[in-house]
Every structure is written in C-alpha cells, then in structure tokens.
Amino acid sequence: MTNLSDRLATLTAHDIMTEKLVLLEETDTVQHAANLFRDLHISGAPVVNAGGQPVGLLSVSDIITAVAAQLDAPPSGSRPQTREAEWAEICEILNFAGSGARAVGGEPVTRWMSRRLVSVRENTPLVEVARIMCGGHWHRVTVIDETGRLAGIVSTMDVLASLVHAADEAKA
C-alpha cells in the first residue's frame, strides 16, 4: 500500500496499543506513582483494584492538581520544557516542600485519579480512537478485549507514532 490514508484506515486500536501495561494499585501512593512515571517516562497509568479490575486512571495532570491544591496555589503558567524537568519538579515538591505537599505524596492514588475510564475495543479503527480522544481531550484510552478485560492502552504518542510509521511505509 502506498496511499497513507488507505494504510491508516486499516489500523485498529490493537495495532497501535501498548500491551505491556504499567498498572497502579488502589493502595499505591501519589509519591509512588510520581516516581514510577518519572522512572518509566510515562504520563499516566490505569489504577486497578485488588481483583485487577480497572477503577480509574492517574495522570501527571492529576498529580499537578493534587500538589497545587495542597499548596493552595494555582498551577504556574510557566511549565518545564521537558517531561524529565516536569517530573523532577513534581517529585521535588512531593519530597521536600512543606507539610502540605508531603501529605499529597502519602495519599492513595484513588484520592486524585480520574474515575472515568474511556475504553475502546481492540478492533476499533484508529480514526475512531483518535476521534474519541480528541472529542474528550483524553490523552489515553484503555483497550479492552472481546471479554471486556484490559488488553492495552493507547496514548496520544501511540497515535502519533502510528501516523509516522504509516507515512514511512507509504514512502517505501
């Protein structure tokens, strides 16, 4: 196939999803999540209960909101230029700032996660996945298999990577 739009039309959530999931447990702390996100260079992860069922999603934005709320200050208009700098700043606040920020670090992720999980099926076309993400301003959606079990996750980077790969294939 040499036509980019033809190639993109054949891709599904299963084709672009990340199958090796990073999961948070309900009992994990915000500090643990922040450290995990920083170490793995990710910006969010599903939260599961003791039975392994997804109950929410925690993202960098949720952690920033938590820290800002505890410090009683709105998020700054100036943001770090890189994800590494952003995480270093968040982890520093959680570890070393006043007692309010330390309290955030010790709170369970369930206190700050989004309880709304947006999911798509594995066979959902890429264009529909992108439409859902754009429509709700979601940076990630979970992917469920035919039995309703968590199979993967699609992030905005996965969508962009699929576009790049399809464009490269079209050139070949």
C-alpha atoms as a PDB file:
ATOM      1  CA  MET A   1       0.000   0.000   0.000  1.00  0.00           C
ATOM      2  CA  THR A   2       1.408   3.341  -0.941  1.00  0.00           C
ATOM      3  CA  ASN A   3      -1.512   5.563  -0.031  1.00  0.00           C
ATOM      4  CA  LEU A   4      -1.199   6.962   3.501  1.00  0.00           C
ATOM      5  CA  SER A   5      -4.935   7.321   4.104  1.00  0.00           C
ATOM      6  CA  ASP A   6      -5.521   3.738   2.920  1.00  0.00           C
ATOM      7  CA  ARG A   7      -2.916   2.438   5.377  1.00  0.00           C
ATOM      8  CA  LEU A   8      -4.266   4.488   8.282  1.00  0.00           C
ATOM      9  CA  ALA A   9      -7.768   3.214   7.527  1.00  0.00           C
ATOM     10  CA  THR A  10      -6.617  -0.381   8.127  1.00  0.00           C
ATOM     11  CA  LEU A  11      -5.156   0.240  11.606  1.00  0.00           C
ATOM     12  CA  THR A  12      -7.056  -0.617  14.782  1.00  0.00           C
ATOM     13  CA  ALA A  13      -6.557   0.029  18.487  1.00  0.00           C
ATOM     14  CA  HIS A  14      -4.943  -3.421  18.751  1.00  0.00           C
ATOM     15  CA  ASP A  15      -2.361  -2.484  16.106  1.00  0.00           C
ATOM     16  CA  ILE A  16      -1.145   0.623  17.935  1.00  0.00           C
ATOM     17  CA  MET A  17      -1.803  -0.073  21.624  1.00  0.00           C
ATOM     18  CA  THR A  18       0.819  -0.634  24.268  1.00  0.00           C
ATOM     19  CA  GLU A  19       0.272  -4.134  25.591  1.00  0.00           C
ATOM     20  CA  LYS A  20       2.866  -4.066  28.362  1.00  0.00           C
ATOM     21  CA  LEU A  21       0.823  -2.097  30.852  1.00  0.00           C
ATOM     22  CA  VAL A  22       2.057  -0.174  33.837  1.00  0.00           C
ATOM     23  CA  LEU A  23      -0.666  -0.514  36.443  1.00  0.00           C
ATOM     24  CA  LEU A  24      -1.169   1.258  39.736  1.00  0.00           C
ATOM     25  CA  GLU A  25      -2.990  -0.367  42.620  1.00  0.00           C
ATOM     26  CA  GLU A  26      -5.618   1.470  44.653  1.00  0.00           C
ATOM     27  CA  THR A  27      -3.327   1.378  47.673  1.00  0.00           C
ATOM     28  CA  ASP A  28      -0.337   2.933  45.872  1.00  0.00           C
ATOM     29  CA  THR A  29       0.594   6.431  46.966  1.00  0.00           C
ATOM     30  CA  VAL A  30       0.826   9.512  44.795  1.00  0.00           C
ATOM     31  CA  GLN A  31       4.562   9.596  45.568  1.00  0.00           C
ATOM     32  CA  HIS A  32       4.956   6.027  44.297  1.00  0.00           C
ATOM     33  CA  ALA A  33       3.057   6.914  41.110  1.00  0.00           C
ATOM     34  CA  ALA A  34       5.121  10.064  40.538  1.00  0.00           C
ATOM     35  CA  ASN A  35       8.362   8.132  40.945  1.00  0.00           C
ATOM     36  CA  LEU A  36       7.108   5.375  38.636  1.00  0.00           C
ATOM     37  CA  PHE A  37       6.020   7.862  35.982  1.00  0.00           C
ATOM     38  CA  ARG A  38       9.370   9.648  36.175  1.00  0.00           C
ATOM     39  CA  ASP A  39      11.423   6.457  36.047  1.00  0.00           C
ATOM     40  CA  LEU A  40       9.464   4.943  33.156  1.00  0.00           C
ATOM     41  CA  HIS A  41       8.997   8.221  31.234  1.00  0.00           C
ATOM     42  CA  ILE A  42       5.220   7.885  31.107  1.00  0.00           C
ATOM     43  CA  SER A  43       2.481  10.368  31.920  1.00  0.00           C
ATOM     44  CA  GLY A  44      -0.340   8.183  33.214  1.00  0.00           C
ATOM     45  CA  ALA A  45      -1.484   4.702  34.133  1.00  0.00           C
ATOM     46  CA  PRO A  46      -4.674   2.788  34.902  1.00  0.00           C
ATOM     47  CA  VAL A  47      -5.485   2.115  38.558  1.00  0.00           C
ATOM     48  CA  VAL A  48      -6.753  -1.364  39.389  1.00  0.00           C
ATOM     49  CA  ASN A  49      -8.471  -2.815  42.458  1.00  0.00           C
ATOM     50  CA  ALA A  50      -7.340  -5.906  44.360  1.00  0.00           C
ATOM     51  CA  GLY A  51      -9.119  -8.081  41.787  1.00  0.00           C
ATOM     52  CA  GLY A  52      -7.208  -6.490  38.915  1.00  0.00           C
ATOM     53  CA  GLN A  53     -10.245  -4.626  37.566  1.00  0.00           C
ATOM     54  CA  PRO A  54      -9.590  -1.072  36.346  1.00  0.00           C
ATOM     55  CA  VAL A  55     -11.204   1.545  38.600  1.00  0.00           C
ATOM     56  CA  GLY A  56      -9.639   4.734  37.288  1.00  0.00           C
ATOM     57  CA  LEU A  57      -6.670   6.427  35.716  1.00  0.00           C
ATOM     58  CA  LEU A  58      -3.998   8.629  37.283  1.00  0.00           C
ATOM     59  CA  SER A  59      -2.095  11.115  35.138  1.00  0.00           C
ATOM     60  CA  VAL A  60       0.551  13.777  35.502  1.00  0.00           C
ATOM     61  CA  SER A  61      -2.221  16.370  35.370  1.00  0.00           C
ATOM     62  CA  ASP A  62      -3.940  14.732  38.347  1.00  0.00           C
ATOM     63  CA  ILE A  63      -0.720  14.864  40.358  1.00  0.00           C
ATOM     64  CA  ILE A  64      -0.107  18.505  39.457  1.00  0.00           C
ATOM     65  CA  THR A  65      -3.669  19.309  40.512  1.00  0.00           C
ATOM     66  CA  ALA A  66      -3.134  17.496  43.815  1.00  0.00           C
ATOM     67  CA  VAL A  67       0.102  19.307  44.573  1.00  0.00           C
ATOM     68  CA  ALA A  68      -1.347  22.695  43.604  1.00  0.00           C
ATOM     69  CA  ALA A  69      -4.433  22.100  45.761  1.00  0.00           C
ATOM     70  CA  GLN A  70      -2.355  21.129  48.783  1.00  0.00           C
ATOM     71  CA  LEU A  71      -0.061  24.122  48.372  1.00  0.00           C
ATOM     72  CA  ASP A  72      -3.133  26.332  47.972  1.00  0.00           C
ATOM     73  CA  ALA A  73      -1.657  27.805  44.816  1.00  0.00           C
ATOM     74  CA  PRO A  74      -2.853  27.602  41.240  1.00  0.00           C
ATOM     75  CA  PRO A  75      -0.577  25.779  38.789  1.00  0.00           C
ATOM     76  CA  SER A  76       2.081  28.084  37.407  1.00  0.00           C
ATOM     77  CA  GLY A  77       1.691  29.431  33.893  1.00  0.00           C
ATOM     78  CA  SER A  78       5.318  28.624  33.158  1.00  0.00           C
ATOM     79  CA  ARG A  79       5.912  24.925  32.702  1.00  0.00           C
ATOM     80  CA  PRO A  80       9.141  22.950  32.499  1.00  0.00           C
ATOM     81  CA  GLN A  81      10.256  22.399  28.920  1.00  0.00           C
ATOM     82  CA  THR A  82      10.782  18.636  29.139  1.00  0.00           C
ATOM     83  CA  ARG A  83       8.926  15.744  30.716  1.00  0.00           C
ATOM     84  CA  GLU A  84      12.051  14.946  32.764  1.00  0.00           C
ATOM     85  CA  ALA A  85      12.157  18.511  34.120  1.00  0.00           C
ATOM     86  CA  GLU A  86       8.437  18.390  34.876  1.00  0.00           C
ATOM     87  CA  TRP A  87       8.805  15.157  36.817  1.00  0.00           C
ATOM     88  CA  ALA A  88      11.874  16.371  38.668  1.00  0.00           C
ATOM     89  CA  GLU A  89       9.879  19.417  39.785  1.00  0.00           C
ATOM     90  CA  ILE A  90       6.860  17.363  40.871  1.00  0.00           C
ATOM     91  CA  CYS A  91       8.953  14.813  42.753  1.00  0.00           C
ATOM     92  CA  GLU A  92      10.909  17.591  44.438  1.00  0.00           C
ATOM     93  CA  ILE A  93       7.673  19.214  45.594  1.00  0.00           C
ATOM     94  CA  LEU A  94       6.300  15.902  46.835  1.00  0.00           C
ATOM     95  CA  ASN A  95       9.503  15.024  48.663  1.00  0.00           C
ATOM     96  CA  PHE A  96      10.819  18.286  50.004  1.00  0.00           C
ATOM     97  CA  ALA A  97       8.190  21.002  50.098  1.00  0.00           C
ATOM     98  CA  GLY A  98       6.088  21.968  53.095  1.00  0.00           C
ATOM     99  CA  SER A  99       3.984  19.504  55.017  1.00  0.00           C
ATOM    100  CA  GLY A 100       1.001  20.011  52.690  1.00  0.00           C
ATOM    101  CA  ALA A 101       2.894  18.695  49.667  1.00  0.00           C
ATOM    102  CA  ARG A 102       4.312  15.774  51.636  1.00  0.00           C
ATOM    103  CA  ALA A 103       0.744  14.920  52.586  1.00  0.00           C
ATOM    104  CA  VAL A 104      -0.118  14.618  48.887  1.00  0.00           C
ATOM    105  CA  GLY A 105       2.749  12.199  48.330  1.00  0.00           C
ATOM    106  CA  GLY A 106       1.423   9.882  51.019  1.00  0.00           C
ATOM    107  CA  GLU A 107      -2.182   9.926  49.822  1.00  0.00           C
ATOM    108  CA  PRO A 108      -3.575   6.968  47.881  1.00  0.00           C
ATOM    109  CA  VAL A 109      -3.855   7.425  44.125  1.00  0.00           C
ATOM    110  CA  THR A 110      -7.609   6.864  44.403  1.00  0.00           C
ATOM    111  CA  ARG A 111      -7.918  10.296  46.046  1.00  0.00           C
ATOM    112  CA  TRP A 112      -6.726  12.086  42.897  1.00  0.00           C
ATOM    113  CA  MET A 113      -7.302   9.705  39.984  1.00  0.00           C
ATOM    114  CA  SER A 114      -9.970  10.170  37.372  1.00  0.00           C
ATOM    115  CA  ARG A 115     -12.697   7.596  37.913  1.00  0.00           C
ATOM    116  CA  ARG A 116     -13.878   7.967  34.343  1.00  0.00           C
ATOM    117  CA  LEU A 117     -12.204   5.385  32.169  1.00  0.00           C
ATOM    118  CA  VAL A 118     -12.617   5.818  28.467  1.00  0.00           C
ATOM    119  CA  SER A 119     -12.218   2.470  26.749  1.00  0.00           C
ATOM    120  CA  VAL A 120     -12.299   1.176  23.199  1.00  0.00           C
ATOM    121  CA  ARG A 121     -12.396  -2.364  21.844  1.00  0.00           C
ATOM    122  CA  GLU A 122      -9.327  -3.892  20.216  1.00  0.00           C
ATOM    123  CA  ASN A 123     -10.993  -3.765  16.783  1.00  0.00           C
ATOM    124  CA  THR A 124     -11.873  -0.048  16.999  1.00  0.00           C
ATOM    125  CA  PRO A 125     -10.444   1.716  13.932  1.00  0.00           C
ATOM    126  CA  LEU A 126      -7.564   4.126  14.585  1.00  0.00           C
ATOM    127  CA  VAL A 127      -9.543   7.062  13.224  1.00  0.00           C
ATOM    128  CA  GLU A 128     -12.352   6.360  15.699  1.00  0.00           C
ATOM    129  CA  VAL A 129      -9.843   6.051  18.573  1.00  0.00           C
ATOM    130  CA  ALA A 130      -8.379   9.434  17.597  1.00  0.00           C
ATOM    131  CA  ARG A 131     -11.881  10.922  17.286  1.00  0.00           C
ATOM    132  CA  ILE A 132     -12.765   9.744  20.820  1.00  0.00           C
ATOM    133  CA  MET A 133      -9.505  11.088  22.226  1.00  0.00           C
ATOM    134  CA  CYS A 134      -9.932  14.467  20.514  1.00  0.00           C
ATOM    135  CA  GLY A 135     -13.609  14.752  21.430  1.00  0.00           C
ATOM    136  CA  GLY A 136     -12.976  14.291  25.137  1.00  0.00           C
ATOM    137  CA  HIS A 137      -9.465  15.743  25.276  1.00  0.00           C
ATOM    138  CA  TRP A 138      -8.245  12.349  26.511  1.00  0.00           C
ATOM    139  CA  HIS A 139      -4.508  11.695  26.369  1.00  0.00           C
ATOM    140  CA  ARG A 140      -5.004   7.962  26.751  1.00  0.00           C
ATOM    141  CA  VAL A 141      -7.765   5.391  26.405  1.00  0.00           C
ATOM    142  CA  THR A 142      -7.763   1.846  27.675  1.00  0.00           C
ATOM    143  CA  VAL A 143      -8.279  -1.000  25.237  1.00  0.00           C
ATOM    144  CA  ILE A 144     -10.458  -3.942  26.197  1.00  0.00           C
ATOM    145  CA  ASP A 145     -10.660  -7.328  24.517  1.00  0.00           C
ATOM    146  CA  GLU A 146     -13.784  -9.210  23.469  1.00  0.00           C
ATOM    147  CA  THR A 147     -14.295 -10.468  27.049  1.00  0.00           C
ATOM    148  CA  GLY A 148     -14.092  -6.944  28.494  1.00  0.00           C
ATOM    149  CA  ARG A 149     -10.647  -7.445  30.037  1.00  0.00           C
ATOM    150  CA  LEU A 150      -7.959  -4.775  29.920  1.00  0.00           C
ATOM    151  CA  ALA A 151      -5.744  -5.586  26.929  1.00  0.00           C
ATOM    152  CA  GLY A 152      -3.709  -2.417  26.494  1.00  0.00           C
ATOM    153  CA  ILE A 153      -3.648   1.336  26.386  1.00  0.00           C
ATOM    154  CA  VAL A 154      -3.460   3.851  23.556  1.00  0.00           C
ATOM    155  CA  SER A 155      -1.778   7.159  24.281  1.00  0.00           C
ATOM    156  CA  THR A 156      -1.504  10.234  22.113  1.00  0.00           C
ATOM    157  CA  MET A 157       2.099   9.190  21.426  1.00  0.00           C
ATOM    158  CA  ASP A 158       0.862   5.822  20.131  1.00  0.00           C
ATOM    159  CA  VAL A 159      -1.478   7.612  17.733  1.00  0.00           C
ATOM    160  CA  LEU A 160       1.312   9.925  16.542  1.00  0.00           C
ATOM    161  CA  ALA A 161       3.745   7.023  16.160  1.00  0.00           C
ATOM    162  CA  SER A 162       1.229   5.142  14.021  1.00  0.00           C
ATOM    163  CA  LEU A 163       0.922   8.177  11.752  1.00  0.00           C
ATOM    164  CA  VAL A 164       4.697   8.412  11.362  1.00  0.00           C
ATOM    165  CA  HIS A 165       5.056   4.679  10.693  1.00  0.00           C
ATOM    166  CA  ALA A 166       2.247   4.726   8.126  1.00  0.00           C
ATOM    167  CA  ALA A 167       3.817   7.739   6.392  1.00  0.00           C
ATOM    168  CA  ASP A 168       7.181   5.952   6.292  1.00  0.00           C
ATOM    169  CA  GLU A 169       5.513   2.837   4.849  1.00  0.00           C
ATOM    170  CA  ALA A 170       3.782   4.969   2.202  1.00  0.00           C
ATOM    171  CA  LYS A 171       7.157   6.367   1.078  1.00  0.00           C
ATOM    172  CA  ALA A 172       8.669   2.903   0.657  1.00  0.00           C
END
